[in-house]
Amino acid sequence: MGKCKTLTVNGTPYDVLRLLGKGNGGYSFLVRSQTHPPVLYVLKQIHYGPYDYYQYADKMQAEIRDYRKLRELGVKLPAMLDIDLDHDRILKEYVDGPTIYELVLADQMQDDYLEQIRRLAKRLAAKRLNINYFPTNFVVEDGVVHYIDFECKPYKDTWDFENWGVKYWSKTPEFLAYVAEHTQRDPQGAGAEG
């Protein structure tokens, strides 16, 4: 067995256990603390790509700003534990559970999860905000749905939950087309945690 890859956050080393997903804003890795071995975290490495719909001058500042905004609004999020501005890395709490995407694939979705998101979407719409409602961005831990991405945008009804997100929260034609397309490209799975 080969040696684990190590990434640091402000000089503190973490062993990379596996890639959790690649989103539009970065790669998320499951990491273990070298100083406290049983503790797991998520390390997000921000990446900069040619996305015309992402016009951030500074993605790190956008992540921090969005996190604070969503936290203030009471959105269930993993805690942002450390920020390494020199290396564009964020250390987050690890929310242990399946993604909504995985639950839909396994026919294990529950009506309560959908209701939790509908209530959240309604609250956010009232504040004129949208989040990324794609099901890989939500993890269920102890029956509670957590938004594991920090992205939020000004509200547009075309991108709200009922007009866009809900199409991917059950085995709809849109969901199945996404699965087919991404399974061909990545047979390991189609995770997209941001």
Protein backbone atom coordinates (compact mmCIF):
# COMPACT_ATOMS: atom_id res chain seq x y z
CA MET A 1 0.00 0.00 0.00
CA GLY A 2 1.38 3.42 -1.02
CA LYS A 3 2.00 6.39 1.19
CA CYS A 4 -0.94 8.73 1.83
CA LYS A 5 -0.91 12.11 0.15
CA THR A 6 -0.62 14.96 2.65
CA LEU A 7 -2.16 18.42 2.35
CA THR A 8 -1.60 21.21 4.84
CA VAL A 9 -3.87 23.97 6.10
CA ASN A 10 -1.82 26.83 7.55
CA GLY A 11 1.05 24.41 8.12
CA THR A 12 -1.03 21.70 9.85
CA PRO A 13 -0.76 18.38 7.95
CA TYR A 14 -3.74 16.21 7.01
CA ASP A 15 -3.69 12.78 5.35
CA VAL A 16 -5.92 12.60 2.27
CA LEU A 17 -8.12 9.51 2.51
CA ARG A 18 -10.16 9.98 -0.66
CA LEU A 19 -11.71 12.45 -3.06
CA LEU A 20 -15.29 13.18 -2.03
CA GLY A 21 -16.18 15.15 -5.12
CA LYS A 22 -15.33 17.85 -7.61
CA GLY A 23 -17.67 20.78 -7.82
CA ASN A 24 -17.61 23.98 -9.83
CA GLY A 25 -15.53 25.72 -7.17
CA GLY A 26 -13.10 23.09 -6.01
CA TYR A 27 -12.14 19.58 -5.01
CA SER A 28 -13.34 18.20 -1.67
CA PHE A 29 -11.23 15.58 0.06
CA LEU A 30 -11.93 13.47 3.12
CA VAL A 31 -8.88 14.01 5.32
CA ARG A 32 -7.65 12.80 8.68
CA SER A 33 -5.74 14.90 11.17
CA GLN A 34 -2.15 13.70 11.65
CA THR A 35 -2.11 15.16 15.16
CA HIS A 36 -5.54 13.75 16.20
CA PRO A 37 -5.81 10.61 13.99
CA PRO A 38 -9.42 9.60 14.67
CA VAL A 39 -10.77 13.01 13.62
CA LEU A 40 -12.04 13.32 10.02
CA TYR A 41 -12.53 16.59 8.15
CA VAL A 42 -13.30 17.83 4.66
CA LEU A 43 -10.57 19.82 2.97
CA LYS A 44 -11.75 21.90 0.04
CA GLN A 45 -9.10 22.92 -2.46
CA ILE A 46 -10.42 25.86 -4.46
CA HIS A 47 -9.71 25.64 -8.18
CA TYR A 48 -9.95 28.28 -10.85
CA GLY A 49 -11.35 27.20 -14.17
CA PRO A 50 -12.80 28.74 -17.32
CA TYR A 51 -16.40 28.98 -16.10
CA ASP A 52 -18.16 32.03 -17.58
CA TYR A 53 -20.93 31.77 -15.00
CA TYR A 54 -18.38 32.16 -12.15
CA GLN A 55 -17.14 35.73 -12.16
CA TYR A 56 -15.50 35.75 -8.71
CA ALA A 57 -12.62 38.13 -8.27
CA ASP A 58 -11.68 35.96 -5.32
CA LYS A 59 -13.39 32.61 -4.77
CA MET A 60 -12.03 32.27 -1.23
CA GLN A 61 -13.61 35.55 -0.15
CA ALA A 62 -16.86 34.53 -1.86
CA GLU A 63 -16.85 31.20 0.05
CA ILE A 64 -16.26 32.97 3.38
CA ARG A 65 -18.94 35.60 2.66
CA ASP A 66 -21.51 33.00 1.53
CA TYR A 67 -20.77 30.77 4.53
CA ARG A 68 -21.33 33.64 6.97
CA LYS A 69 -24.53 34.71 5.22
CA LEU A 70 -26.01 31.19 5.25
CA ARG A 71 -24.91 30.58 8.85
CA GLU A 72 -26.67 33.79 9.93
CA LEU A 73 -29.84 32.54 8.22
CA GLY A 74 -29.74 29.27 10.18
CA VAL A 75 -28.91 26.96 7.26
CA LYS A 76 -27.57 23.59 8.49
CA LEU A 77 -23.94 23.71 7.32
CA PRO A 78 -20.69 22.01 8.26
CA ALA A 79 -18.58 24.39 10.36
CA MET A 80 -15.78 26.22 8.56
CA LEU A 81 -12.86 25.40 10.87
CA ASP A 82 -9.81 26.92 9.19
CA ILE A 83 -8.95 28.97 6.11
CA ASP A 84 -5.59 28.89 4.32
CA LEU A 85 -5.58 31.94 2.05
CA ASP A 86 -2.07 31.25 0.73
CA HIS A 87 -3.07 27.83 -0.65
CA ASP A 88 -6.81 28.46 -1.33
CA ARG A 89 -7.89 25.75 1.12
CA ILE A 90 -10.79 25.51 3.53
CA LEU A 91 -11.02 22.98 6.35
CA LYS A 92 -14.61 22.01 7.12
CA GLU A 93 -16.38 19.78 9.59
CA TYR A 94 -17.15 16.35 8.10
CA VAL A 95 -20.87 15.60 7.99
CA ASP A 96 -21.08 11.82 8.08
CA GLY A 97 -23.89 10.38 6.01
CA PRO A 98 -25.15 9.70 2.50
CA THR A 99 -25.81 12.46 0.00
CA ILE A 100 -29.32 13.01 -1.29
CA TYR A 101 -27.94 11.88 -4.67
CA GLU A 102 -26.91 8.52 -3.17
CA LEU A 103 -30.26 8.15 -1.41
CA VAL A 104 -32.20 8.78 -4.64
CA LEU A 105 -30.01 6.25 -6.49
CA ALA A 106 -30.63 3.63 -3.77
CA ASP A 107 -34.40 4.34 -3.58
CA GLN A 108 -33.98 5.46 0.04
CA MET A 109 -35.28 9.02 -0.20
CA GLN A 110 -37.73 10.03 2.51
CA ASP A 111 -40.52 12.58 2.25
CA ASP A 112 -39.14 14.34 5.34
CA TYR A 113 -35.87 15.19 3.54
CA LEU A 114 -37.85 16.82 0.74
CA GLU A 115 -39.94 18.74 3.27
CA GLN A 116 -36.82 19.98 5.08
CA ILE A 117 -35.48 21.40 1.81
CA ARG A 118 -38.82 22.91 0.80
CA ARG A 119 -38.95 24.77 4.14
CA LEU A 120 -35.35 25.93 3.68
CA ALA A 121 -35.94 27.00 0.06
CA LYS A 122 -38.98 29.02 1.12
CA ARG A 123 -36.96 30.81 3.84
CA LEU A 124 -34.12 31.55 1.42
CA ALA A 125 -36.48 32.77 -1.32
CA ALA A 126 -37.98 35.22 1.20
CA LYS A 127 -34.42 36.54 1.70
CA ARG A 128 -33.97 36.65 -2.11
CA LEU A 129 -31.32 33.91 -2.13
CA ASN A 130 -30.77 30.64 -3.96
CA ILE A 131 -28.36 27.87 -3.05
CA ASN A 132 -27.15 25.08 -5.31
CA TYR A 133 -30.00 22.57 -4.91
CA PHE A 134 -28.23 19.74 -6.75
CA PRO A 135 -28.52 16.59 -4.57
CA THR A 136 -24.76 15.95 -4.24
CA ASN A 137 -24.61 19.17 -2.20
CA PHE A 138 -26.76 17.74 0.62
CA VAL A 139 -25.85 15.12 3.22
CA VAL A 140 -28.24 13.49 5.69
CA GLU A 141 -26.81 12.92 9.16
CA ASP A 142 -29.13 11.61 11.91
CA GLY A 143 -32.21 12.48 9.84
CA VAL A 144 -31.15 16.12 9.32
CA VAL A 145 -30.33 17.43 5.84
CA HIS A 146 -27.16 19.54 5.72
CA TYR A 147 -26.11 21.80 2.84
CA ILE A 148 -22.42 20.95 2.47
CA ASP A 149 -21.61 23.57 -0.15
CA PHE A 150 -21.39 27.22 0.88
CA GLU A 151 -22.46 28.74 -2.44
CA CYS A 152 -25.41 31.10 -2.55
CA LYS A 153 -26.56 33.48 -5.27
CA PRO A 154 -29.14 36.23 -5.69
CA TYR A 155 -32.58 34.69 -6.15
CA LYS A 156 -33.85 33.80 -9.63
CA ASP A 157 -37.02 31.74 -9.86
CA THR A 158 -35.59 29.65 -12.72
CA TRP A 159 -32.92 28.33 -10.30
CA ASP A 160 -35.07 27.90 -7.19
CA PHE A 161 -35.90 24.53 -5.72
CA GLU A 162 -39.37 24.08 -7.24
CA ASN A 163 -38.34 25.13 -10.77
CA TRP A 164 -34.94 23.44 -10.96
CA GLY A 165 -33.65 21.57 -7.90
CA VAL A 166 -36.65 19.28 -7.37
CA LYS A 167 -36.01 17.74 -10.81
CA TYR A 168 -32.96 16.00 -9.30
CA TRP A 169 -34.43 14.88 -5.95
CA SER A 170 -36.12 11.76 -7.35
CA LYS A 171 -35.60 9.43 -10.31
CA THR A 172 -36.89 11.91 -12.87
CA PRO A 173 -35.79 11.82 -16.53
CA GLU A 174 -33.36 14.71 -15.72
CA PHE A 175 -31.82 12.80 -12.80
CA LEU A 176 -31.48 9.57 -14.80
CA ALA A 177 -29.92 11.44 -17.75
CA TYR A 178 -27.38 13.02 -15.37
CA VAL A 179 -26.54 9.60 -13.87
CA ALA A 180 -26.10 8.03 -17.32
CA GLU A 181 -23.88 10.85 -18.57
CA HIS A 182 -21.67 10.98 -15.47
CA THR A 183 -21.40 7.23 -14.98
CA GLN A 184 -19.98 6.95 -18.50
CA ARG A 185 -17.38 9.64 -17.78
CA ASP A 186 -16.64 8.54 -14.20
CA PRO A 187 -17.53 4.92 -13.43
CA GLN A 188 -16.53 5.49 -9.77
CA GLY A 189 -19.52 7.75 -9.25
CA ALA A 190 -20.79 11.21 -9.92
CA GLY A 191 -20.07 13.07 -6.70
CA ALA A 192 -20.00 16.84 -6.92
CA GLU A 193 -19.61 18.17 -3.43
CA GLY A 194 -18.57 21.73 -3.55
